[in-house]
Amino acid sequence: MYNRATGTSSGAQGSVSVNIPAENVDKTLPDVVPDKGSALWNRVHLGTDALTMENFHPFKSQAGLMTRAAREVGRVLAERRARRVMFIAVLNVLCTLVLFVWCRTTRSMALLAYTYLTVFDIFCLITCLISIWVSIQKPTSAFAFGYERFEVLAVFTSTTLAQLAQLFVVKESIERLLHHHDVHTGRLLVGTAFGFAVHFVSTYFVTNKAFQHVSEASSSSWLQEHVADMSRSLCSVIPGLSSLLLPRINPLPLIAVAGALALFITDMLIEINNYFRADTFAAISIAIMTVGTMFPMSVYSGRILLQTTPSHIIGQLDKCLREASTLDGVLEFRNEHFWTVSFGTLAGSLHVRIRRDANEQMVLAHVSNRLSNLVTVLTIHIFKDDWTRASLSASNYASRQPYTSTPAKTGLDPTVPTINPFQSLPPLAPNLSTITPIGSPAGPSLHQPGSSTSRLYSSGINAAPSHMPAGTTGGRIPLRSYQPTNLFGASSGTGQKSSTELGHR
């Protein structure tokens, strides 16, 4: 039953809130109350017929999401390489747990900072699985460019979390400097060797295309630049190491070697001199080296997420656009926008204005050919040059200035007659038979008194005009040669035109 005060309708199967404003109640509900048991009464009060209410399931969408996630994981694990990556990831998780236990027993902050590299390896393996999932997906209406940006987001997340973990290590190390703590070196070198082996297995036994591209395309870290100088000197002595050390070393194995070297020096200092603060300094150094290595990769992937144009491609794009602008029919480029969709995939869009007589398909093919080497996904919108001439009539021309590229001149001689180029001539008669040219001996002229521009033509039907001899009939007549006049009615005196015949149109 409906309550007009509260705006609710209650029936046998529950209550439904209508929320009708008080001022609209009389306008919404009819004054006629339906009979009990009728179809309208059942529809309003019992919720039957077409308005049957269903139960609300708040967790139905979440169950569907979990089902879809499990289905996608099954599709990824169907790939052989994905199963290999999953096996190494599970092994890495178990080894990381063992290393965390050893960090607790040795109370070493340097070993903890080094263990966070294995945590970073777990995120790298997850990124590899995401890359495999992206490779088997197809573009949809929601993701027109595909799912490659998930791969970029995974790299950005992994590098950012690694830096945050090292900042936590720096904070704990500063507290260690203020409060003295002993370090047990029993498993320090063992944990170092174990973590080094796990890191190298995760780096070299798995083909991670995302991190390989980022490590090659991103800028060099300060650690790579310092090692590159030593690598050049070493390769000058041993040329066989050029393929491994030049042009620059992979930053991930480099940080593992540098961290292991710091732990080895720490163990020696503690064993020889009981210098426990060496562990704290080693932890800070490993954290700084890790942040310095991960920061360029985070910047590179972050710029891709911001849809920026790579700096090393801007010059090549400008050159291609200049070459494409010289094509026949191309007038200009507008709204050029190029951005990076994913690693190695550049997208772009531009508008091309062409001449009215140019071939759209030919211009489209030429511009696409010029930019296809750089831009993988290219959208080109071609439109022809659209210009309209303003139509001015003789009636309103005197009240406005003409559309010219130069300003109107003032102070003209009033005695010189002016010619209106936009003034329309009087229409020809439907049965025009004869035409009297301007400047003929018997015809009107602009310089004769009493003549005007409205008397340029005279016409008649089977009747002789005023300037022809009596008895001459209309029809097709020859036009004798005449002396042309200039715009002011004076004879120019230059040549004579040949006779022509003008028939009835």
Protein backbone atom coordinates (compact mmCIF):
# COMPACT_ATOMS: atom_id res chain seq x y z
CA MET A 1 0.00 0.00 0.00
CA TYR A 2 1.34 3.43 -0.90
CA ASN A 3 1.97 6.02 1.82
CA ARG A 4 1.60 9.56 0.40
CA ALA A 5 3.48 11.10 3.33
CA THR A 6 6.63 8.97 3.14
CA GLY A 7 6.64 8.18 -0.58
CA THR A 8 6.96 4.38 -0.14
CA SER A 9 4.92 1.47 -1.38
CA SER A 10 4.78 -1.72 0.69
CA GLY A 11 3.52 -5.09 -0.53
CA ALA A 12 3.66 -8.75 0.27
CA GLN A 13 7.17 -9.14 -1.17
CA GLY A 14 8.91 -6.21 0.57
CA SER A 15 9.04 -2.44 0.33
CA VAL A 16 10.32 -0.29 -2.48
CA SER A 17 11.37 3.32 -1.86
CA VAL A 18 10.06 5.69 -4.53
CA ASN A 19 11.39 9.03 -3.15
CA ILE A 20 8.83 11.28 -4.81
CA PRO A 21 9.08 14.97 -3.82
CA ALA A 22 6.15 16.26 -1.81
CA GLU A 23 5.30 18.95 -4.35
CA ASN A 24 5.08 16.35 -7.13
CA VAL A 25 2.99 13.74 -5.33
CA ASP A 26 -0.31 15.03 -6.65
CA LYS A 27 1.14 15.26 -10.17
CA THR A 28 2.65 11.77 -10.09
CA LEU A 29 -0.08 9.65 -8.55
CA PRO A 30 -3.55 9.49 -10.06
CA ASP A 31 -6.54 10.38 -7.97
CA VAL A 32 -8.30 7.20 -9.08
CA VAL A 33 -7.36 4.27 -6.80
CA PRO A 34 -7.34 0.94 -8.69
CA ASP A 35 -9.58 -1.89 -7.47
CA LYS A 36 -7.97 -4.51 -5.30
CA GLY A 37 -7.09 -7.58 -7.30
CA SER A 38 -6.90 -5.80 -10.64
CA ALA A 39 -3.83 -5.97 -12.86
CA LEU A 40 -2.84 -2.38 -12.01
CA TRP A 41 -3.24 -3.03 -8.28
CA ASN A 42 -1.09 -6.18 -8.46
CA ARG A 43 1.52 -4.31 -10.46
CA VAL A 44 1.81 -1.49 -7.92
CA HIS A 45 1.33 -3.29 -4.59
CA LEU A 46 2.48 -6.86 -5.19
CA GLY A 47 5.28 -6.19 -7.65
CA THR A 48 3.99 -8.78 -10.11
CA ASP A 49 3.61 -8.58 -13.88
CA ALA A 50 6.31 -6.51 -15.61
CA LEU A 51 7.60 -4.84 -12.42
CA THR A 52 8.82 -7.94 -10.60
CA MET A 53 11.65 -7.05 -8.23
CA GLU A 54 14.76 -9.25 -7.91
CA ASN A 55 16.95 -9.71 -4.89
CA PHE A 56 20.07 -7.54 -4.68
CA HIS A 57 23.40 -9.41 -4.62
CA PRO A 58 26.17 -7.04 -3.52
CA PHE A 59 29.00 -9.57 -4.05
CA LYS A 60 27.91 -10.89 -7.41
CA SER A 61 30.26 -8.61 -9.40
CA GLN A 62 33.21 -9.48 -7.16
CA ALA A 63 32.63 -13.19 -7.70
CA GLY A 64 32.59 -12.55 -11.43
CA LEU A 65 35.86 -10.63 -11.17
CA MET A 66 37.55 -13.48 -9.34
CA THR A 67 36.27 -15.93 -11.92
CA ARG A 68 37.62 -13.86 -14.78
CA ALA A 69 40.98 -13.45 -13.00
CA ALA A 70 41.26 -17.21 -12.51
CA ARG A 71 40.39 -17.76 -16.16
CA GLU A 72 43.08 -15.32 -17.31
CA VAL A 73 45.67 -16.94 -15.04
CA GLY A 74 44.78 -20.29 -16.58
CA ARG A 75 45.28 -18.86 -20.07
CA VAL A 76 48.70 -17.50 -19.10
CA LEU A 77 49.85 -20.73 -17.47
CA ALA A 78 48.92 -22.59 -20.63
CA GLU A 79 52.07 -21.09 -22.14
CA ARG A 80 55.25 -23.08 -21.57
CA ARG A 81 57.41 -20.03 -20.88
CA ALA A 82 54.84 -18.81 -18.34
CA ARG A 83 55.09 -22.06 -16.40
CA ARG A 84 58.87 -21.67 -16.30
CA VAL A 85 58.57 -18.12 -14.99
CA MET A 86 56.04 -19.23 -12.39
CA PHE A 87 58.38 -21.99 -11.16
CA ILE A 88 61.28 -19.56 -10.76
CA ALA A 89 58.99 -17.05 -9.02
CA VAL A 90 57.86 -19.64 -6.44
CA LEU A 91 61.48 -20.65 -5.87
CA ASN A 92 62.43 -17.00 -5.44
CA VAL A 93 59.70 -16.46 -2.86
CA LEU A 94 60.95 -19.42 -0.79
CA CYS A 95 64.55 -18.20 -0.97
CA THR A 96 63.48 -14.69 0.03
CA LEU A 97 61.74 -16.03 3.10
CA VAL A 98 64.92 -17.88 4.09
CA LEU A 99 66.96 -14.71 3.63
CA PHE A 100 64.58 -12.73 5.85
CA VAL A 101 65.05 -15.33 8.57
CA TRP A 102 68.83 -15.04 8.29
CA CYS A 103 68.58 -11.24 8.44
CA ARG A 104 66.77 -11.58 11.73
CA THR A 105 69.34 -13.98 13.20
CA THR A 106 72.40 -12.01 12.04
CA ARG A 107 70.83 -8.59 12.79
CA SER A 108 72.52 -7.22 9.71
CA MET A 109 71.00 -4.20 7.98
CA ALA A 110 73.30 -4.66 4.97
CA LEU A 111 71.99 -8.18 4.40
CA LEU A 112 68.43 -6.84 4.70
CA ALA A 113 69.11 -4.20 2.07
CA TYR A 114 70.57 -6.90 -0.16
CA THR A 115 67.55 -9.14 0.43
CA TYR A 116 65.25 -6.46 -0.90
CA LEU A 117 66.86 -7.07 -4.28
CA THR A 118 65.35 -10.55 -4.30
CA VAL A 119 62.00 -8.97 -3.48
CA PHE A 120 62.51 -6.76 -6.49
CA ASP A 121 63.23 -9.91 -8.53
CA ILE A 122 59.80 -11.26 -7.54
CA PHE A 123 58.16 -8.12 -8.96
CA CYS A 124 60.28 -8.51 -12.11
CA LEU A 125 58.98 -12.06 -12.58
CA ILE A 126 55.41 -10.85 -12.08
CA THR A 127 56.07 -8.21 -14.73
CA CYS A 128 57.27 -10.98 -17.05
CA LEU A 129 54.00 -12.85 -16.51
CA ILE A 130 52.09 -9.66 -17.28
CA SER A 131 54.08 -9.31 -20.51
CA ILE A 132 53.05 -12.84 -21.51
CA TRP A 133 49.42 -12.04 -20.71
CA VAL A 134 49.60 -8.84 -22.76
CA SER A 135 51.01 -10.72 -25.74
CA ILE A 136 47.97 -13.02 -25.93
CA GLN A 137 45.41 -10.26 -25.55
CA LYS A 138 43.69 -8.41 -28.39
CA PRO A 139 42.62 -4.76 -28.49
CA THR A 140 39.08 -4.03 -27.38
CA SER A 141 36.77 -1.04 -27.51
CA ALA A 142 37.86 -0.04 -23.99
CA PHE A 143 41.58 -0.50 -24.79
CA ALA A 144 41.94 0.49 -28.42
CA PHE A 145 45.76 0.40 -28.30
CA GLY A 146 45.89 -2.95 -26.50
CA TYR A 147 47.02 -3.80 -22.96
CA GLU A 148 50.69 -2.83 -23.29
CA ARG A 149 50.36 -0.02 -20.77
CA PHE A 150 49.80 -2.61 -18.01
CA GLU A 151 53.35 -3.73 -18.69
CA VAL A 152 54.63 -0.17 -18.34
CA LEU A 153 52.69 0.26 -15.11
CA ALA A 154 54.18 -2.96 -13.73
CA VAL A 155 57.74 -1.73 -14.39
CA PHE A 156 57.01 1.63 -12.81
CA THR A 157 55.48 -0.02 -9.75
CA SER A 158 58.37 -2.45 -9.30
CA THR A 159 61.08 0.20 -9.47
CA THR A 160 59.17 2.59 -7.22
CA LEU A 161 58.59 -0.05 -4.53
CA ALA A 162 62.26 -1.00 -4.62
CA GLN A 163 63.24 2.61 -3.93
CA LEU A 164 60.73 2.91 -1.10
CA ALA A 165 62.14 -0.25 0.51
CA GLN A 166 65.65 1.18 0.39
CA LEU A 167 64.45 4.42 1.95
CA PHE A 168 63.16 2.30 4.82
CA VAL A 169 66.62 0.73 5.09
CA VAL A 170 68.25 4.18 5.25
CA LYS A 171 65.90 5.21 8.05
CA GLU A 172 66.68 2.07 10.07
CA SER A 173 70.42 2.50 9.43
CA ILE A 174 70.37 6.04 10.82
CA GLU A 175 68.76 4.68 13.98
CA ARG A 176 71.50 2.04 14.15
CA LEU A 177 74.12 4.78 14.13
CA LEU A 178 72.54 6.33 17.21
CA HIS A 179 72.08 3.02 19.02
CA HIS A 180 74.85 0.44 18.94
CA HIS A 181 73.91 -3.11 17.81
CA ASP A 182 76.11 -6.15 17.42
CA VAL A 183 76.09 -8.12 14.19
CA HIS A 184 76.58 -11.90 14.01
CA THR A 185 78.67 -12.83 11.00
CA GLY A 186 78.00 -16.56 11.07
CA ARG A 187 75.64 -16.55 8.08
CA LEU A 188 76.51 -13.20 6.61
CA LEU A 189 78.66 -14.46 3.75
CA VAL A 190 76.41 -17.47 3.23
CA GLY A 191 73.37 -15.22 2.90
CA THR A 192 75.29 -12.96 0.53
CA ALA A 193 76.22 -15.85 -1.77
CA PHE A 194 72.70 -17.27 -1.58
CA GLY A 195 71.06 -13.96 -2.47
CA PHE A 196 73.58 -13.36 -5.27
CA ALA A 197 72.73 -16.75 -6.82
CA VAL A 198 68.97 -16.15 -6.57
CA HIS A 199 69.32 -12.73 -8.20
CA PHE A 200 71.36 -14.06 -11.10
CA VAL A 201 68.94 -16.91 -11.73
CA SER A 202 66.01 -14.48 -11.82
CA THR A 203 67.91 -12.14 -14.15
CA TYR A 204 69.52 -14.48 -16.69
CA PHE A 205 67.30 -17.56 -16.71
CA VAL A 206 64.18 -15.59 -17.62
CA THR A 207 63.71 -13.44 -20.71
CA ASN A 208 62.13 -10.28 -19.36
CA LYS A 209 61.57 -8.06 -22.42
CA ALA A 210 60.13 -5.17 -20.42
CA PHE A 211 63.12 -4.68 -18.12
CA GLN A 212 65.58 -5.36 -20.91
CA HIS A 213 64.06 -2.54 -22.94
CA VAL A 214 63.97 -0.18 -19.96
CA SER A 215 67.58 -0.89 -18.98
CA GLU A 216 68.71 -0.16 -22.57
CA ALA A 217 66.49 2.85 -23.31
CA SER A 218 66.70 4.67 -19.98
CA SER A 219 69.53 6.99 -19.07
CA SER A 220 72.63 5.60 -17.36
CA SER A 221 72.87 5.67 -13.61
CA TRP A 222 75.87 7.18 -11.84
CA LEU A 223 77.07 3.67 -10.99
CA GLN A 224 77.01 2.64 -14.65
CA GLU A 225 78.91 5.74 -15.71
CA HIS A 226 81.71 5.12 -13.21
CA VAL A 227 81.94 1.45 -14.14
CA ALA A 228 81.91 2.29 -17.86
CA ASP A 229 85.21 4.16 -17.50
CA MET A 230 86.82 1.13 -15.88
CA SER A 231 85.27 -1.16 -18.49
CA ARG A 232 86.85 0.78 -21.36
CA SER A 233 90.24 0.55 -19.72
CA LEU A 234 89.81 -3.17 -19.12
CA CYS A 235 88.56 -3.86 -22.65
CA SER A 236 91.57 -2.07 -24.10
CA VAL A 237 93.70 -4.75 -22.40
CA ILE A 238 91.31 -7.69 -22.92
CA PRO A 239 89.27 -7.03 -26.11
CA GLY A 240 87.23 -10.21 -25.64
CA LEU A 241 85.25 -8.58 -22.81
CA SER A 242 83.85 -5.84 -25.06
CA SER A 243 80.62 -7.73 -25.79
CA LEU A 244 79.98 -8.11 -22.05
CA LEU A 245 81.12 -4.76 -20.64
CA LEU A 246 80.47 -2.31 -23.48
CA PRO A 247 78.77 0.02 -24.18
CA ARG A 248 77.44 -0.29 -20.62
CA ILE A 249 76.71 -3.06 -18.18
CA ASN A 250 73.21 -4.23 -17.34
CA PRO A 251 72.27 -2.29 -14.17
CA LEU A 252 70.56 -5.23 -12.42
CA PRO A 253 73.59 -7.57 -12.30
CA LEU A 254 75.78 -4.56 -11.58
CA ILE A 255 73.87 -3.67 -8.41
CA ALA A 256 74.05 -7.32 -7.32
CA VAL A 257 77.84 -7.41 -7.73
CA ALA A 258 78.28 -4.06 -5.98
CA GLY A 259 76.07 -5.14 -3.05
CA ALA A 260 77.89 -8.44 -2.66
CA LEU A 261 81.22 -6.64 -2.64
CA ALA A 262 80.00 -4.29 0.11
CA LEU A 263 78.85 -7.25 2.24
CA PHE A 264 82.18 -9.01 1.76
CA ILE A 265 84.09 -5.92 2.97
CA THR A 266 81.68 -5.62 5.92
CA ASP A 267 82.31 -9.22 6.99
CA MET A 268 86.06 -8.68 6.85
CA LEU A 269 85.92 -5.50 8.96
CA ILE A 270 83.73 -7.12 11.59
CA GLU A 271 85.85 -10.27 11.80
CA ILE A 272 89.15 -8.40 12.01
CA ASN A 273 88.38 -5.24 14.03
CA ASN A 274 84.84 -5.85 15.37
CA TYR A 275 83.82 -2.70 13.57
CA PHE A 276 80.04 -3.21 13.65
CA ARG A 277 79.21 0.17 12.18
CA ALA A 278 80.61 -1.07 8.88
CA ASP A 279 77.36 -3.02 8.48
CA THR A 280 75.36 0.21 8.85
CA PHE A 281 77.48 2.06 6.32
CA ALA A 282 77.27 -0.88 3.92
CA ALA A 283 73.47 -0.86 4.21
CA ILE A 284 73.34 2.87 3.41
CA SER A 285 75.69 2.40 0.44
CA ILE A 286 73.60 -0.49 -0.95
CA ALA A 287 70.44 1.60 -0.53
CA ILE A 288 71.99 4.58 -2.34
CA MET A 289 73.23 2.39 -5.20
CA THR A 290 69.82 0.74 -5.53
CA VAL A 291 67.97 4.06 -5.61
CA GLY A 292 70.46 5.45 -8.13
CA THR A 293 69.92 2.41 -10.35
CA MET A 294 66.12 2.30 -10.14
CA PHE A 295 65.46 6.01 -10.47
CA PRO A 296 66.27 6.33 -14.22
CA MET A 297 64.03 3.35 -14.98
CA SER A 298 61.21 4.88 -12.95
CA VAL A 299 61.58 8.17 -14.81
CA TYR A 300 61.54 6.44 -18.20
CA SER A 301 58.44 4.37 -17.48
CA GLY A 302 56.73 7.33 -15.79
CA ARG A 303 57.16 9.49 -18.89
CA ILE A 304 55.52 6.78 -20.94
CA LEU A 305 52.58 6.72 -18.55
CA LEU A 306 52.31 10.51 -18.95
CA GLN A 307 52.10 10.06 -22.77
CA THR A 308 55.10 12.22 -23.55
CA THR A 309 57.12 12.22 -26.77
CA PRO A 310 60.59 10.63 -26.42
CA SER A 311 63.31 13.26 -26.64
CA HIS A 312 65.50 11.21 -28.99
CA ILE A 313 62.68 10.89 -31.56
CA ILE A 314 61.62 14.56 -31.73
CA GLY A 315 64.35 15.44 -34.24
CA GLN A 316 63.49 12.49 -36.48
CA LEU A 317 59.78 13.35 -36.34
CA ASP A 318 60.48 16.96 -37.36
CA LYS A 319 62.55 15.76 -40.30
CA CYS A 320 59.82 13.36 -41.47
CA LEU A 321 57.16 16.06 -41.17
CA ARG A 322 59.24 18.49 -43.20
CA GLU A 323 59.70 15.89 -45.92
CA ALA A 324 55.99 15.07 -45.92
CA SER A 325 55.03 18.76 -46.16
CA THR A 326 56.81 19.01 -49.53
CA LEU A 327 54.51 16.44 -51.12
CA ASP A 328 52.27 17.57 -53.96
CA GLY A 329 48.91 18.77 -52.67
CA VAL A 330 49.88 19.15 -48.98
CA LEU A 331 49.29 22.66 -47.68
CA GLU A 332 49.94 22.33 -43.94
CA PHE A 333 49.88 20.04 -40.90
CA ARG A 334 47.71 20.78 -37.90
CA ASN A 335 47.25 19.32 -34.41
CA GLU A 336 50.32 17.10 -34.52
CA HIS A 337 50.51 14.89 -31.44
CA PHE A 338 52.86 11.95 -30.91
CA TRP A 339 53.18 9.92 -27.73
CA THR A 340 54.52 6.58 -26.50
CA VAL A 341 51.89 3.92 -25.89
CA SER A 342 54.22 1.25 -24.53
CA PHE A 343 57.83 0.13 -24.77
CA GLY A 344 58.91 0.66 -28.37
CA THR A 345 55.42 1.58 -29.60
CA LEU A 346 54.83 5.17 -30.70
CA ALA A 347 51.36 6.47 -31.59
CA GLY A 348 50.46 9.68 -33.33
CA SER A 349 47.68 11.70 -34.92
CA LEU A 350 47.68 14.74 -37.17
CA HIS A 351 45.42 16.72 -39.49
CA VAL A 352 46.53 17.37 -43.07
CA ARG A 353 45.07 20.22 -45.11
CA ILE A 354 45.36 19.64 -48.84
CA ARG A 355 44.36 21.46 -52.01
CA ARG A 356 40.89 21.19 -53.40
CA ASP A 357 42.11 19.32 -56.47
CA ALA A 358 44.46 16.93 -54.61
CA ASN A 359 43.86 13.21 -54.28
CA GLU A 360 43.14 12.25 -50.68
CA GLN A 361 44.22 8.61 -51.02
CA MET A 362 47.49 9.56 -52.69
CA VAL A 363 48.35 12.10 -49.98
CA LEU A 364 47.35 9.64 -47.25
CA ALA A 365 49.61 6.95 -48.70
CA HIS A 366 52.59 9.31 -49.02
CA VAL A 367 52.28 10.76 -45.49
CA SER A 368 51.82 7.31 -43.96
CA ASN A 369 54.88 6.06 -45.81
CA ARG A 370 56.98 8.92 -44.46
CA LEU A 371 55.96 8.40 -40.81
CA SER A 372 55.51 4.63 -40.68
CA ASN A 373 59.16 4.01 -39.82
CA LEU A 374 58.80 5.90 -36.55
CA VAL A 375 55.10 5.87 -35.65
CA THR A 376 53.59 2.42 -35.20
CA VAL A 377 49.97 3.49 -34.67
CA LEU A 378 49.21 6.50 -36.86
CA THR A 379 45.89 8.32 -37.33
CA ILE A 380 45.70 10.84 -40.19
CA HIS A 381 42.71 13.08 -40.84
CA ILE A 382 42.75 14.70 -44.29
CA PHE A 383 40.51 17.61 -45.21
CA LYS A 384 40.49 19.74 -48.30
CA ASP A 385 41.01 23.46 -48.36
CA ASP A 386 37.51 24.97 -47.94
CA TRP A 387 37.20 28.63 -48.85
CA THR A 388 34.11 30.63 -49.84
CA ARG A 389 33.91 33.99 -51.56
CA ALA A 390 31.58 36.50 -49.95
CA SER A 391 28.61 37.25 -52.24
CA LEU A 392 27.88 40.95 -52.37
CA SER A 393 24.93 42.44 -54.22
CA ALA A 394 24.80 45.84 -55.87
CA SER A 395 22.20 47.08 -53.41
CA ASN A 396 24.30 46.71 -50.27
CA TYR A 397 27.75 47.15 -51.78
CA ALA A 398 27.70 50.94 -51.40
CA SER A 399 27.10 50.61 -47.65
CA ARG A 400 30.13 48.39 -46.96
CA GLN A 401 33.80 48.31 -47.75
CA PRO A 402 35.03 45.84 -50.38
CA TYR A 403 36.90 42.68 -49.23
CA THR A 404 40.43 43.54 -50.30
CA SER A 405 43.86 42.89 -48.91
CA THR A 406 44.74 46.63 -48.89
CA PRO A 407 43.00 49.40 -46.93
CA ALA A 408 40.57 51.65 -48.71
CA LYS A 409 42.05 54.82 -50.13
CA THR A 410 40.57 58.17 -49.26
CA GLY A 411 40.62 61.53 -51.07
CA LEU A 412 39.89 60.28 -54.61
CA ASP A 413 38.94 62.75 -57.32
CA PRO A 414 35.11 63.02 -57.35
CA THR A 415 35.10 63.94 -61.04
CA VAL A 416 36.54 60.60 -62.06
CA PRO A 417 33.76 58.04 -62.48
CA THR A 418 34.05 54.88 -60.43
CA ILE A 419 33.29 51.38 -61.63
CA ASN A 420 31.63 48.84 -59.35
CA PRO A 421 33.03 45.39 -60.28
CA PHE A 422 30.43 43.60 -58.16
CA GLN A 423 27.40 45.32 -59.71
CA SER A 424 25.23 42.79 -61.56
CA LEU A 425 24.17 43.55 -65.11
CA PRO A 426 20.44 43.54 -66.01
CA PRO A 427 19.23 40.09 -67.04
CA LEU A 428 18.77 39.30 -70.69
CA ALA A 429 15.26 39.12 -72.08
CA PRO A 430 13.89 35.63 -72.71
CA ASN A 431 13.58 36.28 -76.48
CA LEU A 432 16.67 38.40 -76.99
CA SER A 433 17.31 38.77 -80.69
CA THR A 434 19.71 41.61 -81.27
CA ILE A 435 22.55 43.02 -79.25
CA THR A 436 23.99 46.45 -79.80
CA PRO A 437 27.63 46.61 -78.77
CA ILE A 438 28.97 49.46 -76.74
CA GLY A 439 30.84 52.06 -78.74
CA SER A 440 29.21 51.28 -82.15
CA PRO A 441 28.38 54.30 -84.31
CA ALA A 442 24.62 53.99 -83.71
CA GLY A 443 24.72 52.43 -80.29
CA PRO A 444 24.87 54.11 -76.91
CA SER A 445 28.19 54.86 -75.35
CA LEU A 446 29.25 55.54 -71.83
CA HIS A 447 30.62 58.96 -72.79
CA GLN A 448 27.52 60.11 -74.65
CA PRO A 449 25.20 62.38 -72.74
CA GLY A 450 21.98 60.85 -71.63
CA SER A 451 23.27 57.32 -71.77
CA SER A 452 23.58 55.17 -68.68
CA THR A 453 24.78 51.74 -67.79
CA SER A 454 21.18 50.52 -67.73
CA ARG A 455 20.95 50.98 -71.50
CA LEU A 456 23.80 48.69 -72.48
CA TYR A 457 21.51 46.32 -74.38
CA SER A 458 18.40 46.82 -76.55
CA SER A 459 16.20 43.98 -77.69
CA GLY A 460 13.16 43.34 -79.80
CA ILE A 461 11.26 40.57 -81.53
CA ASN A 462 11.28 40.68 -85.34
CA ALA A 463 11.68 44.42 -85.16
CA ALA A 464 14.47 46.63 -86.27
CA PRO A 465 16.32 48.38 -83.49
CA SER A 466 16.63 52.14 -83.44
CA HIS A 467 20.16 52.23 -84.83
CA MET A 468 19.45 49.90 -87.81
CA PRO A 469 17.96 50.89 -91.15
CA ALA A 470 14.26 50.54 -91.66
CA GLY A 471 13.12 47.17 -92.93
CA THR A 472 15.83 45.20 -91.16
CA THR A 473 14.41 42.30 -89.21
CA GLY A 474 15.70 40.67 -86.06
CA GLY A 475 17.22 37.27 -85.72
CA ARG A 476 20.82 36.17 -86.29
CA ILE A 477 22.76 39.25 -87.47
CA PRO A 478 26.45 39.81 -87.96
CA LEU A 479 28.22 42.19 -85.65
CA ARG A 480 30.47 44.52 -87.54
CA SER A 481 33.91 45.30 -86.33
CA TYR A 482 33.94 47.98 -83.74
CA GLN A 483 36.42 50.09 -81.86
CA PRO A 484 36.61 48.93 -78.23
CA THR A 485 36.33 51.53 -75.52
CA ASN A 486 38.01 51.64 -72.17
CA LEU A 487 36.29 51.79 -68.84
CA PHE A 488 35.70 55.54 -69.14
CA GLY A 489 34.06 55.40 -72.61
CA ALA A 490 37.04 56.72 -74.56
CA SER A 491 38.35 54.86 -77.56
CA SER A 492 41.57 53.00 -76.88
CA GLY A 493 42.60 52.98 -80.50
CA THR A 494 44.38 49.66 -80.27
CA GLY A 495 43.42 47.13 -82.90
CA GLN A 496 40.00 45.90 -83.96
CA LYS A 497 38.26 42.68 -83.19
CA SER A 498 37.06 40.36 -85.89
CA SER A 499 33.41 39.89 -86.69
CA THR A 500 31.54 37.25 -84.76
CA GLU A 501 28.02 36.01 -84.76
CA LEU A 502 25.85 35.87 -81.68
CA GLY A 503 22.66 33.89 -82.02
CA HIS A 504 19.58 33.73 -79.90
CA ARG A 505 20.28 31.81 -76.65
